[in-house]
Amino acid sequence: MRQVKGILFVDYVRMLRGHKGVDWSARLPAADLPYLTAHVDPDGWYPMATFERLGNQILHFVARDDLQAVRMWGRFSVDALRATHPTLLAQGDPIETINRFRVLRATFFDFDALDVPMLHDDEAEIVIRYHMGMPAEEAAALQTVGFFERLLELAGAKDVEARLRERSWLGDARTLLALRWTT
């Protein structure tokens, strides 16, 4: 069973808790409901399947099924991550920043959700594999796109271009994010 770290899980729970008028028992399995009222330990591990279902509800109720809003949320999430992990950013060094994220990412999932098979002075490729169904995988990929756009900008990259060259939800074998920038 794949798991996600509480530091990511808590954001999803917080967003759903904010929608008090929604009957979550009609939208989520009974096994997921206790997570909406219990304390979430940022250092604990939580089921990825629940994370996916919560994410689908966030996509619908918070983002109103707007995938560009999800991409923007990915951009905004960089600042929160930097606050808890101040050494993430290597000012003026996009390559080192991606390498630092690669190490940090390994602490968020107990599986390889993101892989960096190619990293050069002005470009990188990120394989995105959250192993979720639709629409969660697409939303998570777009959130990841926004995250890397902002992370690279903060690291000093200019003219950041991010493009999904392959999309698993459209039948490709994987999801591949291509990043290019100038320094």
C-alpha atoms as a PDB file:
ATOM      1  CA  MET A   1       0.000   0.000   0.000  1.00  0.00           C
ATOM      2  CA  ARG A   2       1.479   3.343  -1.092  1.00  0.00           C
ATOM      3  CA  GLN A   3       1.625   6.139   1.476  1.00  0.00           C
ATOM      4  CA  VAL A   4       2.055   9.901   1.631  1.00  0.00           C
ATOM      5  CA  LYS A   5       3.629  11.932   4.418  1.00  0.00           C
ATOM      6  CA  GLY A   6       1.365  13.886   6.738  1.00  0.00           C
ATOM      7  CA  ILE A   7       2.916  17.219   5.789  1.00  0.00           C
ATOM      8  CA  LEU A   8       1.155  16.879   2.410  1.00  0.00           C
ATOM      9  CA  PHE A   9      -1.924  15.076   3.720  1.00  0.00           C
ATOM     10  CA  VAL A  10      -2.715  17.825   6.247  1.00  0.00           C
ATOM     11  CA  ASP A  11      -3.235  20.410   3.489  1.00  0.00           C
ATOM     12  CA  TYR A  12      -5.868  18.248   1.828  1.00  0.00           C
ATOM     13  CA  VAL A  13      -7.677  17.669   5.113  1.00  0.00           C
ATOM     14  CA  ARG A  14      -7.565  21.376   5.934  1.00  0.00           C
ATOM     15  CA  MET A  15      -9.098  22.316   2.582  1.00  0.00           C
ATOM     16  CA  LEU A  16     -11.969  19.877   2.976  1.00  0.00           C
ATOM     17  CA  ARG A  17     -12.612  20.894   6.571  1.00  0.00           C
ATOM     18  CA  GLY A  18     -13.143  24.415   5.263  1.00  0.00           C
ATOM     19  CA  HIS A  19     -16.179  23.245   3.285  1.00  0.00           C
ATOM     20  CA  LYS A  20     -18.447  22.654   6.269  1.00  0.00           C
ATOM     21  CA  GLY A  21     -21.694  22.575   4.252  1.00  0.00           C
ATOM     22  CA  VAL A  22     -20.680  19.439   2.326  1.00  0.00           C
ATOM     23  CA  ASP A  23     -21.888  16.033   3.486  1.00  0.00           C
ATOM     24  CA  TRP A  24     -18.595  14.181   3.101  1.00  0.00           C
ATOM     25  CA  SER A  25     -20.221  10.888   4.098  1.00  0.00           C
ATOM     26  CA  ALA A  26     -22.070  10.992   0.767  1.00  0.00           C
ATOM     27  CA  ARG A  27     -18.882  11.687  -1.206  1.00  0.00           C
ATOM     28  CA  LEU A  28     -16.172   9.656   0.539  1.00  0.00           C
ATOM     29  CA  PRO A  29     -15.930   6.069   1.792  1.00  0.00           C
ATOM     30  CA  ALA A  30     -16.544   5.591   5.506  1.00  0.00           C
ATOM     31  CA  ALA A  31     -12.876   4.644   6.004  1.00  0.00           C
ATOM     32  CA  ASP A  32     -11.791   8.146   4.866  1.00  0.00           C
ATOM     33  CA  LEU A  33     -14.123  10.137   7.116  1.00  0.00           C
ATOM     34  CA  PRO A  34     -12.119   9.871  10.378  1.00  0.00           C
ATOM     35  CA  TYR A  35      -9.220  11.688   8.693  1.00  0.00           C
ATOM     36  CA  LEU A  36     -11.411  14.779   8.358  1.00  0.00           C
ATOM     37  CA  THR A  37     -11.796  15.101  12.141  1.00  0.00           C
ATOM     38  CA  ALA A  38      -8.619  13.541  13.548  1.00  0.00           C
ATOM     39  CA  HIS A  39      -5.320  15.288  14.147  1.00  0.00           C
ATOM     40  CA  VAL A  40      -2.970  14.805  11.191  1.00  0.00           C
ATOM     41  CA  ASP A  41       0.629  14.217  12.226  1.00  0.00           C
ATOM     42  CA  PRO A  42       2.894  16.007   9.715  1.00  0.00           C
ATOM     43  CA  ASP A  43       5.522  13.289  10.262  1.00  0.00           C
ATOM     44  CA  GLY A  44       3.060  10.399  10.021  1.00  0.00           C
ATOM     45  CA  TRP A  45       2.227   8.252   7.005  1.00  0.00           C
ATOM     46  CA  TYR A  46      -1.232   8.184   5.422  1.00  0.00           C
ATOM     47  CA  PRO A  47      -2.823   6.042   2.701  1.00  0.00           C
ATOM     48  CA  MET A  48      -2.275   7.307  -0.832  1.00  0.00           C
ATOM     49  CA  ALA A  49      -5.717   6.002  -1.834  1.00  0.00           C
ATOM     50  CA  THR A  50      -7.353   8.317   0.712  1.00  0.00           C
ATOM     51  CA  PHE A  51      -5.094  11.163  -0.432  1.00  0.00           C
ATOM     52  CA  GLU A  52      -6.316  10.579  -3.986  1.00  0.00           C
ATOM     53  CA  ARG A  53      -9.982  10.599  -2.984  1.00  0.00           C
ATOM     54  CA  LEU A  54      -9.525  13.757  -0.923  1.00  0.00           C
ATOM     55  CA  GLY A  55      -7.722  15.328  -3.873  1.00  0.00           C
ATOM     56  CA  ASN A  56     -10.613  14.545  -6.194  1.00  0.00           C
ATOM     57  CA  GLN A  57     -12.986  16.320  -3.790  1.00  0.00           C
ATOM     58  CA  ILE A  58     -10.645  19.310  -3.598  1.00  0.00           C
ATOM     59  CA  LEU A  59     -10.528  19.460  -7.393  1.00  0.00           C
ATOM     60  CA  HIS A  60     -14.316  19.591  -7.488  1.00  0.00           C
ATOM     61  CA  PHE A  61     -15.200  21.744  -4.459  1.00  0.00           C
ATOM     62  CA  VAL A  62     -12.163  23.991  -4.032  1.00  0.00           C
ATOM     63  CA  ALA A  63     -10.775  24.331  -7.573  1.00  0.00           C
ATOM     64  CA  ARG A  64     -14.228  23.934  -9.181  1.00  0.00           C
ATOM     65  CA  ASP A  65     -12.706  21.487 -11.670  1.00  0.00           C
ATOM     66  CA  ASP A  66     -10.355  24.209 -12.971  1.00  0.00           C
ATOM     67  CA  LEU A  67      -7.023  22.536 -13.681  1.00  0.00           C
ATOM     68  CA  GLN A  68      -5.255  25.881 -14.128  1.00  0.00           C
ATOM     69  CA  ALA A  69      -6.224  26.723 -10.542  1.00  0.00           C
ATOM     70  CA  VAL A  70      -4.542  23.464  -9.524  1.00  0.00           C
ATOM     71  CA  ARG A  71      -1.415  24.498 -11.430  1.00  0.00           C
ATOM     72  CA  MET A  72      -1.453  27.853  -9.605  1.00  0.00           C
ATOM     73  CA  TRP A  73      -1.840  26.052  -6.281  1.00  0.00           C
ATOM     74  CA  GLY A  74       1.303  24.117  -7.174  1.00  0.00           C
ATOM     75  CA  ARG A  75       3.108  27.425  -7.626  1.00  0.00           C
ATOM     76  CA  PHE A  76       1.852  28.745  -4.273  1.00  0.00           C
ATOM     77  CA  SER A  77       2.792  25.535  -2.461  1.00  0.00           C
ATOM     78  CA  VAL A  78       6.501  26.210  -3.026  1.00  0.00           C
ATOM     79  CA  ASP A  79       6.481  29.037  -0.495  1.00  0.00           C
ATOM     80  CA  ALA A  80       4.918  26.873   2.213  1.00  0.00           C
ATOM     81  CA  LEU A  81       7.442  24.110   1.547  1.00  0.00           C
ATOM     82  CA  ARG A  82      10.303  26.603   1.724  1.00  0.00           C
ATOM     83  CA  ALA A  83       9.032  27.795   5.083  1.00  0.00           C
ATOM     84  CA  THR A  84       9.310  24.282   6.534  1.00  0.00           C
ATOM     85  CA  HIS A  85      12.462  23.366   4.558  1.00  0.00           C
ATOM     86  CA  PRO A  86      14.518  26.570   4.187  1.00  0.00           C
ATOM     87  CA  THR A  87      17.501  24.746   2.667  1.00  0.00           C
ATOM     88  CA  LEU A  88      15.413  23.649  -0.335  1.00  0.00           C
ATOM     89  CA  LEU A  89      16.339  26.714  -2.347  1.00  0.00           C
ATOM     90  CA  ALA A  90      19.884  27.183  -3.639  1.00  0.00           C
ATOM     91  CA  GLN A  91      19.745  30.831  -4.661  1.00  0.00           C
ATOM     92  CA  GLY A  92      21.076  31.333  -8.178  1.00  0.00           C
ATOM     93  CA  ASP A  93      21.428  27.587  -8.782  1.00  0.00           C
ATOM     94  CA  PRO A  94      18.421  25.855 -10.382  1.00  0.00           C
ATOM     95  CA  ILE A  95      20.323  22.570 -10.773  1.00  0.00           C
ATOM     96  CA  GLU A  96      21.227  22.347  -7.093  1.00  0.00           C
ATOM     97  CA  THR A  97      17.673  23.353  -6.151  1.00  0.00           C
ATOM     98  CA  ILE A  98      16.231  20.482  -8.195  1.00  0.00           C
ATOM     99  CA  ASN A  99      18.769  18.119  -6.644  1.00  0.00           C
ATOM    100  CA  ARG A 100      17.786  19.272  -3.175  1.00  0.00           C
ATOM    101  CA  PHE A 101      14.125  18.768  -4.027  1.00  0.00           C
ATOM    102  CA  ARG A 102      14.902  15.285  -5.333  1.00  0.00           C
ATOM    103  CA  VAL A 103      16.293  14.351  -1.907  1.00  0.00           C
ATOM    104  CA  LEU A 104      13.410  16.020  -0.069  1.00  0.00           C
ATOM    105  CA  ARG A 105      10.775  14.415  -2.308  1.00  0.00           C
ATOM    106  CA  ALA A 106      11.910  10.989  -1.181  1.00  0.00           C
ATOM    107  CA  THR A 107      10.667  11.866   2.306  1.00  0.00           C
ATOM    108  CA  PHE A 108       7.100  12.684   1.122  1.00  0.00           C
ATOM    109  CA  PHE A 109       6.127   9.401  -0.527  1.00  0.00           C
ATOM    110  CA  ASP A 110       7.115   5.819   0.191  1.00  0.00           C
ATOM    111  CA  PHE A 111       7.336   5.185  -3.566  1.00  0.00           C
ATOM    112  CA  ASP A 112       8.971   6.978  -6.499  1.00  0.00           C
ATOM    113  CA  ALA A 113       6.320   9.593  -7.274  1.00  0.00           C
ATOM    114  CA  LEU A 114       8.813  11.796  -9.122  1.00  0.00           C
ATOM    115  CA  ASP A 115      12.023  10.904 -10.886  1.00  0.00           C
ATOM    116  CA  VAL A 116      14.564  13.204 -12.531  1.00  0.00           C
ATOM    117  CA  PRO A 117      16.140  11.156 -15.341  1.00  0.00           C
ATOM    118  CA  MET A 118      17.695  14.190 -17.052  1.00  0.00           C
ATOM    119  CA  LEU A 119      19.140  17.355 -15.521  1.00  0.00           C
ATOM    120  CA  HIS A 120      21.369  19.769 -17.435  1.00  0.00           C
ATOM    121  CA  ASP A 121      22.385  23.423 -17.112  1.00  0.00           C
ATOM    122  CA  ASP A 122      19.183  24.758 -18.666  1.00  0.00           C
ATOM    123  CA  GLU A 123      16.776  21.846 -18.835  1.00  0.00           C
ATOM    124  CA  ALA A 124      15.376  18.915 -16.917  1.00  0.00           C
ATOM    125  CA  GLU A 125      12.928  16.093 -17.362  1.00  0.00           C
ATOM    126  CA  ILE A 126      10.711  14.944 -14.526  1.00  0.00           C
ATOM    127  CA  VAL A 127       8.811  11.657 -14.677  1.00  0.00           C
ATOM    128  CA  ILE A 128       5.596  11.982 -12.689  1.00  0.00           C
ATOM    129  CA  ARG A 129       4.087   8.735 -11.364  1.00  0.00           C
ATOM    130  CA  TYR A 130       1.578   9.130  -8.553  1.00  0.00           C
ATOM    131  CA  HIS A 131      -0.211   5.914  -9.625  1.00  0.00           C
ATOM    132  CA  MET A 132      -3.653   7.477  -9.296  1.00  0.00           C
ATOM    133  CA  GLY A 133      -6.708   7.303 -11.493  1.00  0.00           C
ATOM    134  CA  MET A 134      -8.377  10.098 -13.357  1.00  0.00           C
ATOM    135  CA  PRO A 135      -8.879  12.936 -12.650  1.00  0.00           C
ATOM    136  CA  ALA A 136      -6.430  12.833  -9.734  1.00  0.00           C
ATOM    137  CA  GLU A 137      -3.338  11.926 -11.784  1.00  0.00           C
ATOM    138  CA  GLU A 138      -3.886  14.776 -14.224  1.00  0.00           C
ATOM    139  CA  ALA A 139      -4.519  17.268 -11.413  1.00  0.00           C
ATOM    140  CA  ALA A 140      -1.443  16.099  -9.484  1.00  0.00           C
ATOM    141  CA  ALA A 141       0.692  16.388 -12.628  1.00  0.00           C
ATOM    142  CA  LEU A 142      -0.476  19.959 -13.235  1.00  0.00           C
ATOM    143  CA  GLN A 143       0.129  20.831  -9.599  1.00  0.00           C
ATOM    144  CA  THR A 144       3.662  19.463 -10.071  1.00  0.00           C
ATOM    145  CA  VAL A 145       4.132  21.608 -13.200  1.00  0.00           C
ATOM    146  CA  GLY A 146       3.221  24.737 -11.253  1.00  0.00           C
ATOM    147  CA  PHE A 147       5.468  23.706  -8.396  1.00  0.00           C
ATOM    148  CA  PHE A 148       8.544  23.323 -10.596  1.00  0.00           C
ATOM    149  CA  GLU A 149       7.839  26.539 -12.498  1.00  0.00           C
ATOM    150  CA  ARG A 150       7.867  28.544  -9.266  1.00  0.00           C
ATOM    151  CA  LEU A 151      10.742  26.597  -7.695  1.00  0.00           C
ATOM    152  CA  LEU A 152      12.962  27.293 -10.691  1.00  0.00           C
ATOM    153  CA  GLU A 153      12.009  30.974 -10.750  1.00  0.00           C
ATOM    154  CA  LEU A 154      12.906  31.325  -7.082  1.00  0.00           C
ATOM    155  CA  ALA A 155      16.237  29.613  -7.766  1.00  0.00           C
ATOM    156  CA  GLY A 156      17.070  32.296 -10.327  1.00  0.00           C
ATOM    157  CA  ALA A 157      15.913  30.633 -13.552  1.00  0.00           C
ATOM    158  CA  LYS A 158      14.476  32.974 -16.191  1.00  0.00           C
ATOM    159  CA  ASP A 159      12.025  32.304 -19.011  1.00  0.00           C
ATOM    160  CA  VAL A 160      10.917  29.019 -17.459  1.00  0.00           C
ATOM    161  CA  GLU A 161       9.029  26.802 -19.896  1.00  0.00           C
ATOM    162  CA  ALA A 162       7.202  23.760 -18.583  1.00  0.00           C
ATOM    163  CA  ARG A 163       5.478  21.325 -20.896  1.00  0.00           C
ATOM    164  CA  LEU A 164       3.939  17.911 -20.372  1.00  0.00           C
ATOM    165  CA  ARG A 165       5.329  15.929 -23.302  1.00  0.00           C
ATOM    166  CA  GLU A 166       3.730  12.650 -22.247  1.00  0.00           C
ATOM    167  CA  ARG A 167       0.533  12.124 -20.254  1.00  0.00           C
ATOM    168  CA  SER A 168      -0.319   8.807 -18.661  1.00  0.00           C
ATOM    169  CA  TRP A 169      -4.024   9.704 -18.434  1.00  0.00           C
ATOM    170  CA  LEU A 170      -4.109  10.013 -22.249  1.00  0.00           C
ATOM    171  CA  GLY A 171      -2.582   6.579 -22.755  1.00  0.00           C
ATOM    172  CA  ASP A 172       1.139   7.343 -22.667  1.00  0.00           C
ATOM    173  CA  ALA A 173       3.286   4.916 -20.668  1.00  0.00           C
ATOM    174  CA  ARG A 174       4.253   7.698 -18.268  1.00  0.00           C
ATOM    175  CA  THR A 175       3.850  11.398 -17.595  1.00  0.00           C
ATOM    176  CA  LEU A 176       6.899  13.405 -18.618  1.00  0.00           C
ATOM    177  CA  LEU A 177       7.428  17.028 -17.662  1.00  0.00           C
ATOM    178  CA  ALA A 178      10.004  18.859 -19.794  1.00  0.00           C
ATOM    179  CA  LEU A 179      11.494  21.984 -18.209  1.00  0.00           C
ATOM    180  CA  ARG A 180      13.664  24.585 -19.943  1.00  0.00           C
ATOM    181  CA  TRP A 181      15.029  27.860 -18.625  1.00  0.00           C
ATOM    182  CA  THR A 182      17.781  30.409 -18.972  1.00  0.00           C
ATOM    183  CA  THR A 183      20.051  31.629 -16.197  1.00  0.00           C
END
